[in-house]
Amino acid sequence: MDNDFLKRSLDYKQAREDRYKEVAHNELYQKSVKRIQTTMIGSLSTLEEYFGFLWGFGQPEQEITEEQKYMKSVYEKARSKILDRGNAQMDSLESDFVKYEITRKKFYIKLPINKSGEENDG
């Protein structure tokens, strides 16, 4: 009877640990993907902010010159390549994550440290 209880307890503990690792793995993967996406979109946004005038970014379509239309087509090709490469990196990231077992620290404590000579008001 005691051995059966012990075995079930150990099985439950192992199942809980496995689930915890799976959740940690998925959470880190999703955060990593989000960071790659943020980097790609943020980079494109910066290009639009600083160079968008070249292709009439933010202007009504009827006010865009032929030269700006050409520059917009060049930008759209570059934008597409940037997004394709970022998506390829996210795919690579997924295949890399499969190779690792990931656990998250269960507890994290940050203790305040006063510089010598300073007093704490609390």
N, C-alpha and C. Protein backbone atom coordinates (compact mmCIF):
# COMPACT_ATOMS: atom_id res chain seq x y z
N MET A 1 0.82 -1.20 0.00
CA MET A 1 0.00 0.00 0.00
C MET A 1 0.87 1.26 0.00
N ASP A 2 1.89 1.27 0.87
CA ASP A 2 2.77 2.43 0.94
C ASP A 2 3.57 2.60 -0.35
N ASN A 3 3.99 1.49 -0.96
CA ASN A 3 4.74 1.57 -2.22
C ASN A 3 3.87 2.14 -3.33
N ASP A 4 2.60 1.76 -3.36
CA ASP A 4 1.68 2.27 -4.37
C ASP A 4 1.49 3.79 -4.20
N PHE A 5 1.32 4.23 -2.98
CA PHE A 5 1.18 5.66 -2.71
C PHE A 5 2.44 6.42 -3.09
N LEU A 6 3.59 5.88 -2.75
CA LEU A 6 4.87 6.51 -3.07
C LEU A 6 5.06 6.59 -4.58
N LYS A 7 4.73 5.51 -5.28
CA LYS A 7 4.86 5.51 -6.75
C LYS A 7 3.94 6.54 -7.38
N ARG A 8 2.70 6.62 -6.92
CA ARG A 8 1.77 7.62 -7.47
C ARG A 8 2.25 9.03 -7.15
N SER A 9 2.78 9.23 -5.98
CA SER A 9 3.30 10.53 -5.59
C SER A 9 4.47 10.94 -6.47
N LEU A 10 5.37 10.01 -6.71
CA LEU A 10 6.53 10.30 -7.58
C LEU A 10 6.09 10.53 -9.02
N ASP A 11 5.13 9.76 -9.50
CA ASP A 11 4.60 9.93 -10.86
C ASP A 11 3.95 11.31 -11.00
N TYR A 12 3.19 11.70 -9.99
CA TYR A 12 2.54 13.01 -10.01
C TYR A 12 3.58 14.12 -10.02
N LYS A 13 4.60 13.97 -9.18
CA LYS A 13 5.66 14.97 -9.11
C LYS A 13 6.38 15.08 -10.46
N GLN A 14 6.67 13.95 -11.09
CA GLN A 14 7.35 13.96 -12.39
C GLN A 14 6.47 14.60 -13.47
N ALA A 15 5.17 14.28 -13.45
CA ALA A 15 4.24 14.87 -14.41
C ALA A 15 4.16 16.38 -14.22
N ARG A 16 4.16 16.83 -12.97
CA ARG A 16 4.11 18.26 -12.68
C ARG A 16 5.39 18.95 -13.17
N GLU A 17 6.53 18.32 -12.94
CA GLU A 17 7.81 18.88 -13.40
C GLU A 17 7.87 18.94 -14.93
N ASP A 18 7.40 17.88 -15.59
CA ASP A 18 7.38 17.85 -17.05
C ASP A 18 6.49 18.96 -17.60
N ARG A 19 5.33 19.15 -16.98
CA ARG A 19 4.41 20.21 -17.42
C ARG A 19 5.04 21.58 -17.20
N TYR A 20 5.71 21.75 -16.07
CA TYR A 20 6.36 23.02 -15.76
C TYR A 20 7.43 23.34 -16.81
N LYS A 21 8.21 22.32 -17.19
CA LYS A 21 9.25 22.51 -18.22
C LYS A 21 8.61 22.87 -19.57
N GLU A 22 7.51 22.21 -19.90
CA GLU A 22 6.84 22.48 -21.17
C GLU A 22 6.31 23.92 -21.20
N VAL A 23 5.72 24.35 -20.11
CA VAL A 23 5.21 25.72 -20.02
C VAL A 23 6.35 26.72 -20.13
N ALA A 24 7.46 26.47 -19.43
CA ALA A 24 8.62 27.36 -19.48
C ALA A 24 9.20 27.41 -20.89
N HIS A 25 9.28 26.27 -21.54
CA HIS A 25 9.79 26.17 -22.91
C HIS A 25 8.93 27.00 -23.86
N ASN A 26 7.61 26.80 -23.78
CA ASN A 26 6.69 27.53 -24.66
C ASN A 26 6.70 29.03 -24.39
N GLU A 27 6.78 29.38 -23.11
CA GLU A 27 6.79 30.80 -22.75
C GLU A 27 8.04 31.50 -23.30
N LEU A 28 9.20 30.88 -23.13
CA LEU A 28 10.43 31.47 -23.64
C LEU A 28 10.41 31.55 -25.16
N TYR A 29 9.89 30.50 -25.82
CA TYR A 29 9.80 30.51 -27.28
C TYR A 29 8.91 31.67 -27.75
N GLN A 30 7.74 31.81 -27.15
CA GLN A 30 6.82 32.88 -27.56
C GLN A 30 7.43 34.27 -27.32
N LYS A 31 8.12 34.43 -26.21
CA LYS A 31 8.77 35.72 -25.94
C LYS A 31 9.88 35.99 -26.95
N SER A 32 10.61 34.96 -27.33
CA SER A 32 11.69 35.11 -28.31
C SER A 32 11.14 35.49 -29.68
N VAL A 33 10.06 34.83 -30.09
CA VAL A 33 9.41 35.15 -31.36
C VAL A 33 8.93 36.60 -31.35
N LYS A 34 8.32 37.00 -30.24
CA LYS A 34 7.80 38.37 -30.13
C LYS A 34 8.94 39.39 -30.24
N ARG A 35 10.09 39.07 -29.69
CA ARG A 35 11.22 39.99 -29.78
C ARG A 35 11.75 40.11 -31.21
N ILE A 36 11.76 39.01 -31.93
CA ILE A 36 12.19 39.07 -33.33
C ILE A 36 11.19 39.90 -34.13
N GLN A 37 9.90 39.66 -33.91
CA GLN A 37 8.88 40.43 -34.61
C GLN A 37 8.99 41.92 -34.29
N THR A 38 9.19 42.24 -33.02
CA THR A 38 9.32 43.63 -32.61
C THR A 38 10.54 44.28 -33.25
N THR A 39 11.62 43.53 -33.36
CA THR A 39 12.83 44.05 -34.00
C THR A 39 12.57 44.34 -35.47
N MET A 40 11.90 43.41 -36.15
CA MET A 40 11.62 43.61 -37.58
C MET A 40 10.72 44.82 -37.80
N ILE A 41 9.60 44.84 -37.10
CA ILE A 41 8.63 45.91 -37.29
C ILE A 41 9.20 47.25 -36.84
N GLY A 42 9.93 47.25 -35.74
CA GLY A 42 10.55 48.48 -35.26
C GLY A 42 11.57 49.03 -36.25
N SER A 43 12.33 48.12 -36.87
CA SER A 43 13.31 48.55 -37.88
C SER A 43 12.61 49.16 -39.09
N LEU A 44 11.56 48.52 -39.53
CA LEU A 44 10.81 49.06 -40.68
C LEU A 44 10.19 50.41 -40.32
N SER A 45 9.70 50.53 -39.12
CA SER A 45 9.11 51.80 -38.67
C SER A 45 10.16 52.91 -38.66
N THR A 46 11.37 52.58 -38.23
CA THR A 46 12.46 53.56 -38.22
C THR A 46 12.81 53.99 -39.64
N LEU A 47 12.87 53.03 -40.56
CA LEU A 47 13.14 53.37 -41.97
C LEU A 47 12.05 54.30 -42.50
N GLU A 48 10.80 53.99 -42.19
CA GLU A 48 9.70 54.84 -42.65
C GLU A 48 9.79 56.24 -42.05
N GLU A 49 10.16 56.31 -40.77
CA GLU A 49 10.26 57.59 -40.09
C GLU A 49 11.34 58.49 -40.70
N TYR A 50 12.51 57.90 -40.98
CA TYR A 50 13.63 58.72 -41.44
C TYR A 50 13.76 58.83 -42.95
N PHE A 51 13.25 57.84 -43.69
CA PHE A 51 13.41 57.84 -45.14
C PHE A 51 12.09 57.83 -45.91
N GLY A 52 10.98 57.82 -45.18
CA GLY A 52 9.67 57.74 -45.81
C GLY A 52 9.37 58.88 -46.78
N PHE A 53 9.99 60.01 -46.56
CA PHE A 53 9.77 61.14 -47.46
C PHE A 53 10.19 60.79 -48.89
N LEU A 54 11.12 59.84 -49.03
CA LEU A 54 11.60 59.45 -50.35
C LEU A 54 10.48 58.81 -51.18
N TRP A 55 9.55 58.12 -50.53
CA TRP A 55 8.46 57.48 -51.27
C TRP A 55 7.10 58.05 -50.88
N GLY A 56 7.11 59.23 -50.28
CA GLY A 56 5.85 59.91 -49.97
C GLY A 56 5.07 59.26 -48.85
N PHE A 57 5.77 58.69 -47.89
CA PHE A 57 5.12 58.03 -46.76
C PHE A 57 4.24 59.03 -46.01
N GLY A 58 2.99 58.67 -45.84
CA GLY A 58 2.05 59.54 -45.13
C GLY A 58 1.36 60.56 -46.00
N GLN A 59 1.73 60.64 -47.26
CA GLN A 59 1.08 61.58 -48.17
C GLN A 59 -0.09 60.90 -48.88
N PRO A 60 -1.08 61.67 -49.28
CA PRO A 60 -2.17 61.08 -50.08
C PRO A 60 -1.62 60.51 -51.40
N GLU A 61 -2.18 59.44 -51.85
CA GLU A 61 -1.71 58.75 -53.06
C GLU A 61 -1.65 59.67 -54.28
N GLN A 62 -2.61 60.57 -54.42
CA GLN A 62 -2.65 61.46 -55.60
C GLN A 62 -1.53 62.50 -55.61
N GLU A 63 -0.88 62.72 -54.46
CA GLU A 63 0.20 63.71 -54.38
C GLU A 63 1.59 63.10 -54.58
N ILE A 64 1.67 61.80 -54.71
CA ILE A 64 2.97 61.13 -54.83
C ILE A 64 3.48 61.25 -56.27
N THR A 65 4.75 61.65 -56.39
CA THR A 65 5.36 61.80 -57.72
C THR A 65 5.76 60.44 -58.28
N GLU A 66 6.12 60.41 -59.55
CA GLU A 66 6.57 59.17 -60.19
C GLU A 66 7.86 58.65 -59.53
N GLU A 67 8.75 59.57 -59.20
CA GLU A 67 9.99 59.17 -58.54
C GLU A 67 9.69 58.55 -57.17
N GLN A 68 8.75 59.12 -56.44
CA GLN A 68 8.36 58.57 -55.15
C GLN A 68 7.69 57.20 -55.31
N LYS A 69 6.92 57.03 -56.36
CA LYS A 69 6.30 55.73 -56.63
C LYS A 69 7.37 54.67 -56.88
N TYR A 70 8.40 55.06 -57.63
CA TYR A 70 9.50 54.13 -57.89
C TYR A 70 10.20 53.79 -56.57
N MET A 71 10.48 54.81 -55.76
CA MET A 71 11.15 54.58 -54.48
C MET A 71 10.29 53.72 -53.55
N LYS A 72 8.98 53.89 -53.64
CA LYS A 72 8.08 53.07 -52.81
C LYS A 72 8.18 51.60 -53.23
N SER A 73 8.27 51.36 -54.53
CA SER A 73 8.40 49.97 -54.99
C SER A 73 9.73 49.37 -54.52
N VAL A 74 10.79 50.16 -54.51
CA VAL A 74 12.08 49.69 -54.00
C VAL A 74 11.96 49.39 -52.51
N TYR A 75 11.32 50.30 -51.78
CA TYR A 75 11.13 50.08 -50.34
C TYR A 75 10.30 48.83 -50.08
N GLU A 76 9.24 48.62 -50.84
CA GLU A 76 8.38 47.45 -50.65
C GLU A 76 9.16 46.15 -50.87
N LYS A 77 10.08 46.14 -51.85
CA LYS A 77 10.92 44.96 -52.07
C LYS A 77 11.84 44.73 -50.88
N ALA A 78 12.46 45.80 -50.38
CA ALA A 78 13.35 45.70 -49.22
C ALA A 78 12.57 45.26 -47.99
N ARG A 79 11.39 45.82 -47.82
CA ARG A 79 10.54 45.47 -46.68
C ARG A 79 10.18 43.98 -46.73
N SER A 80 9.84 43.51 -47.89
CA SER A 80 9.48 42.11 -48.06
C SER A 80 10.66 41.20 -47.71
N LYS A 81 11.86 41.57 -48.16
CA LYS A 81 13.05 40.76 -47.85
C LYS A 81 13.33 40.76 -46.34
N ILE A 82 13.18 41.91 -45.70
CA ILE A 82 13.40 41.99 -44.26
C ILE A 82 12.42 41.09 -43.52
N LEU A 83 11.16 41.14 -43.89
CA LEU A 83 10.15 40.30 -43.24
C LEU A 83 10.38 38.82 -43.53
N ASP A 84 10.75 38.49 -44.76
CA ASP A 84 11.03 37.09 -45.10
C ASP A 84 12.20 36.55 -44.29
N ARG A 85 13.25 37.34 -44.16
CA ARG A 85 14.42 36.91 -43.39
C ARG A 85 14.08 36.77 -41.90
N GLY A 86 13.30 37.69 -41.39
CA GLY A 86 12.88 37.59 -39.99
C GLY A 86 12.02 36.36 -39.75
N ASN A 87 11.11 36.09 -40.66
CA ASN A 87 10.27 34.89 -40.54
C ASN A 87 11.11 33.62 -40.63
N ALA A 88 12.13 33.63 -41.48
CA ALA A 88 13.03 32.47 -41.58
C ALA A 88 13.78 32.27 -40.26
N GLN A 89 14.18 33.37 -39.62
CA GLN A 89 14.86 33.27 -38.33
C GLN A 89 13.92 32.72 -37.26
N MET A 90 12.65 33.11 -37.32
CA MET A 90 11.69 32.57 -36.35
C MET A 90 11.49 31.07 -36.57
N ASP A 91 11.48 30.64 -37.82
CA ASP A 91 11.38 29.20 -38.11
C ASP A 91 12.62 28.47 -37.59
N SER A 92 13.79 29.06 -37.78
CA SER A 92 15.03 28.46 -37.27
C SER A 92 15.01 28.40 -35.76
N LEU A 93 14.47 29.43 -35.15
CA LEU A 93 14.38 29.47 -33.70
C LEU A 93 13.53 28.31 -33.19
N GLU A 94 12.44 28.03 -33.88
CA GLU A 94 11.57 26.93 -33.47
C GLU A 94 12.30 25.60 -33.53
N SER A 95 13.05 25.38 -34.61
CA SER A 95 13.80 24.12 -34.72
C SER A 95 14.94 24.05 -33.70
N ASP A 96 15.50 25.20 -33.32
CA ASP A 96 16.54 25.23 -32.29
C ASP A 96 15.95 24.90 -30.91
N PHE A 97 14.78 25.43 -30.62
CA PHE A 97 14.17 25.23 -29.31
C PHE A 97 13.84 23.76 -29.06
N VAL A 98 13.56 23.01 -30.11
CA VAL A 98 13.24 21.60 -29.95
C VAL A 98 14.42 20.83 -29.36
N LYS A 99 15.61 21.33 -29.57
CA LYS A 99 16.82 20.64 -29.13
C LYS A 99 17.16 20.86 -27.66
N TYR A 100 16.41 21.73 -26.97
CA TYR A 100 16.76 22.10 -25.61
C TYR A 100 15.63 21.82 -24.63
N GLU A 101 16.05 21.51 -23.42
CA GLU A 101 15.12 21.39 -22.31
C GLU A 101 15.29 22.65 -21.48
N ILE A 102 14.20 23.35 -21.24
CA ILE A 102 14.28 24.66 -20.61
C ILE A 102 13.47 24.66 -19.32
N THR A 103 14.05 25.20 -18.28
CA THR A 103 13.32 25.40 -17.04
C THR A 103 13.44 26.85 -16.63
N ARG A 104 12.43 27.33 -15.97
CA ARG A 104 12.42 28.72 -15.51
C ARG A 104 12.71 28.70 -14.02
N LYS A 105 13.45 29.68 -13.57
CA LYS A 105 13.70 29.79 -12.13
C LYS A 105 12.36 29.99 -11.44
N LYS A 106 12.16 29.25 -10.39
CA LYS A 106 10.88 29.33 -9.70
C LYS A 106 10.78 30.57 -8.83
N PHE A 107 11.89 30.99 -8.29
CA PHE A 107 11.88 32.16 -7.42
C PHE A 107 12.97 33.12 -7.85
N TYR A 108 12.67 34.38 -7.75
CA TYR A 108 13.64 35.42 -8.07
C TYR A 108 13.46 36.51 -7.03
N ILE A 109 14.49 36.78 -6.30
CA ILE A 109 14.42 37.80 -5.27
C ILE A 109 15.48 38.85 -5.57
N LYS A 110 15.06 40.09 -5.59
CA LYS A 110 16.01 41.19 -5.80
C LYS A 110 16.04 41.97 -4.49
N LEU A 111 17.17 41.91 -3.84
CA LEU A 111 17.32 42.60 -2.57
C LEU A 111 17.91 43.99 -2.80
N PRO A 112 17.31 44.99 -2.15
CA PRO A 112 17.86 46.34 -2.29
C PRO A 112 19.18 46.44 -1.53
N ILE A 113 20.14 47.07 -2.13
CA ILE A 113 21.45 47.23 -1.50
C ILE A 113 21.74 48.72 -1.41
N ASN A 114 21.97 49.18 -0.21
CA ASN A 114 22.31 50.60 0.00
C ASN A 114 23.81 50.78 -0.15
N LYS A 115 24.18 51.89 -0.72
CA LYS A 115 25.60 52.22 -0.77
C LYS A 115 26.07 52.52 0.65
N SER A 116 27.31 52.24 0.93
CA SER A 116 27.81 52.45 2.29
C SER A 116 27.67 53.92 2.67
N GLY A 117 27.22 54.13 3.91
CA GLY A 117 27.06 55.50 4.40
C GLY A 117 25.66 56.03 4.23
N GLU A 118 24.81 55.39 3.41
CA GLU A 118 23.43 55.85 3.22
C GLU A 118 22.54 55.15 4.23
N GLU A 119 21.51 55.86 4.67
CA GLU A 119 20.57 55.25 5.59
C GLU A 119 19.27 54.95 4.86
N ASN A 120 18.59 53.93 5.32
CA ASN A 120 17.33 53.52 4.73
C ASN A 120 16.19 54.14 5.54
N ASP A 121 15.23 54.77 4.86
CA ASP A 121 14.11 55.41 5.54
C ASP A 121 13.04 54.41 5.99
N GLY A 122 13.11 53.17 5.54
CA GLY A 122 12.07 52.22 5.88
C GLY A 122 12.63 51.07 6.54
